[in-house]
Each structure stands twice: as structure tokens, then as C-alpha cells.
Protein backbone atom coordinates (compact mmCIF):
# COMPACT_ATOMS: atom_id res chain seq x y z
CA UNK A 1 130.60 74.06 92.34
CA UNK A 2 131.90 70.69 91.92
CA UNK A 3 130.44 67.74 94.89
CA UNK A 4 132.63 66.88 97.18
CA UNK A 5 133.83 63.14 96.88
CA UNK A 6 132.46 60.61 99.27
CA UNK A 7 135.40 59.21 101.15
CA UNK A 8 135.69 55.31 101.72
CA UNK A 9 137.82 55.49 105.16
CA UNK A 10 138.19 51.65 106.71
CA UNK A 11 138.62 53.73 110.41
CA UNK A 12 136.25 53.55 113.26
CA UNK A 13 137.66 54.88 115.94
CA UNK A 14 136.82 54.10 119.48
CA UNK A 15 134.60 55.82 122.24
CA UNK A 16 135.06 60.31 121.81
CA UNK A 17 137.54 60.12 119.26
CA UNK A 18 137.42 61.93 115.68
CA UNK A 19 138.38 61.22 112.19
CA UNK A 20 139.84 64.53 110.62
CA UNK A 21 141.25 65.32 107.70
CA UNK A 22 143.33 68.65 107.41
CA UNK A 23 141.94 71.29 104.64
CA UNK A 24 144.56 72.49 102.59
CA UNK A 25 146.32 75.42 104.52
CA UNK A 26 146.25 78.61 102.71
CA UNK A 27 148.73 79.67 99.85
CA UNK A 28 147.97 83.32 100.11
CA UNK A 29 148.05 86.00 102.56
CA UNK A 30 145.10 88.30 103.02
CA UNK A 31 147.30 91.21 101.15
CA UNK A 32 147.78 88.34 98.20
CA UNK A 33 151.14 87.13 98.84
CA UNK A 34 151.99 83.76 97.40
CA UNK A 35 153.60 81.28 100.37
CA UNK A 36 156.31 78.94 99.83
CA UNK A 37 156.14 75.09 100.24
CA UNK A 38 158.17 75.74 103.59
CA UNK A 39 156.43 79.32 104.98
CA UNK A 40 152.78 77.36 105.34
CA UNK A 41 151.55 76.94 108.74
CA UNK A 42 150.04 73.23 109.73
CA UNK A 43 146.29 73.49 108.80
CA UNK A 44 144.18 73.77 111.95
CA UNK A 45 140.92 73.35 110.15
CA UNK A 46 139.46 69.93 108.29
CA UNK A 47 136.50 68.28 107.85
CA UNK A 48 135.19 65.08 109.97
CA UNK A 49 135.28 61.94 108.37
CA UNK A 50 134.19 59.49 111.10
CA UNK A 51 133.04 59.55 115.27
CA UNK A 52 133.60 57.46 117.62
CA UNK A 53 130.35 56.01 119.57
CA UNK A 54 131.06 57.81 122.79
CA UNK A 55 132.32 57.78 125.88
CA UNK A 56 131.51 54.77 128.46
CA UNK A 57 130.35 56.58 131.69
CA UNK A 58 130.31 55.02 134.76
CA UNK A 59 126.77 54.20 134.32
CA UNK A 60 126.67 51.86 132.00
CA UNK A 61 125.46 55.02 129.31
CA UNK A 62 127.37 56.22 125.99
CA UNK A 63 127.37 60.03 126.19
CA UNK A 64 126.68 61.36 122.51
CA UNK A 65 129.44 63.03 120.37
CA UNK A 66 129.09 67.55 119.23
CA UNK A 67 130.62 66.91 116.34
CA UNK A 68 128.53 64.44 113.27
CA UNK A 69 130.52 62.96 110.31
CA UNK A 70 131.19 65.95 107.14
CA UNK A 71 131.22 68.76 109.94
CA UNK A 72 134.08 71.16 109.38
CA UNK A 73 136.29 71.55 112.47
CA UNK A 74 138.81 73.77 113.68
CA UNK A 75 141.34 71.92 115.68
CA UNK A 76 145.12 73.24 118.06
CA UNK A 77 148.12 73.12 116.14
CA UNK A 78 149.10 69.88 118.10
CA UNK A 79 146.03 68.37 118.72
CA UNK A 80 145.70 64.46 117.46
CA UNK A 81 147.99 61.81 116.47
CA UNK A 82 148.77 62.18 112.51
CA UNK A 83 147.97 58.69 110.82
CA UNK A 84 148.39 57.92 106.92
CA UNK A 85 146.08 54.74 105.43
CA UNK A 86 146.48 54.51 101.34
CA UNK A 87 148.82 56.82 101.38
CA UNK A 88 146.16 59.85 102.10
CA UNK A 89 146.76 61.89 105.78
CA UNK A 90 144.45 62.04 109.00
CA UNK A 91 144.52 62.81 112.27
CA UNK A 92 142.88 60.66 114.84
CA UNK A 93 141.81 62.90 117.63
CA UNK A 94 139.29 63.09 120.80
CA UNK A 95 136.13 65.18 120.81
CA UNK A 96 137.86 67.15 123.57
CA UNK A 97 140.79 68.43 121.23
CA UNK A 98 138.15 70.20 118.82
CA UNK A 99 137.62 74.22 119.46
CA UNK A 100 134.80 74.54 116.80
CA UNK A 101 132.63 73.60 114.24
CA UNK A 102 132.78 76.16 111.26
CA UNK A 103 129.08 77.16 110.73
CA UNK A 104 128.32 78.09 107.04
């Protein structure tokens, strides 16, 4: 197995926002059929690269986030905002847009 490369990211999300790097879409179907680029679905799975400090409550405290850097998550198909930094695509979304953490 190859080691995962460390990503040097020059983004710091604010409040309860999270920076996610989408994972590649599936190349094959479950039956083994190769998919052309036009038939691939938009990825709904990604790796968390950075998290904000948490939402500021009325009491002045920050609430902690349920996800952390390095977590693999599932999110809605059209969740978040797509951005491009240093020729790489990322998504910035609120923690509430994340549907689940993938547990291995």
C-alpha cells in the first residue's frame, strides 16, 4: 500500500465549515462495465482536509465539530461550493451538509 500524501492546503475554513477533497468517481459498475466520463456520477464521497473552529454560540463558546481532518465522509450530491486552488478541486461546505462519516 502506498502512503497517503500530505496535502499542503492554504485554506482555513471559518465557523462550522469544512474543506473536503472529493474522491474519484467509480470507473466500473458493480457488474464490471467500464463507464465513460460522461456517464460517471458526481462524487459524493470525500476526505476532510481542514475544519473550522466551530459555530459560535450565543454564550460566546464554540461548539465542536463531529468531523476531523483525515475523516472520509459522505455528502449530498450538490452540497457545498466548488472551488479550485492550485489546480486542484475542493468543496467547502457546512458541517450540516455532511451526511455521514465512513467507518473502516
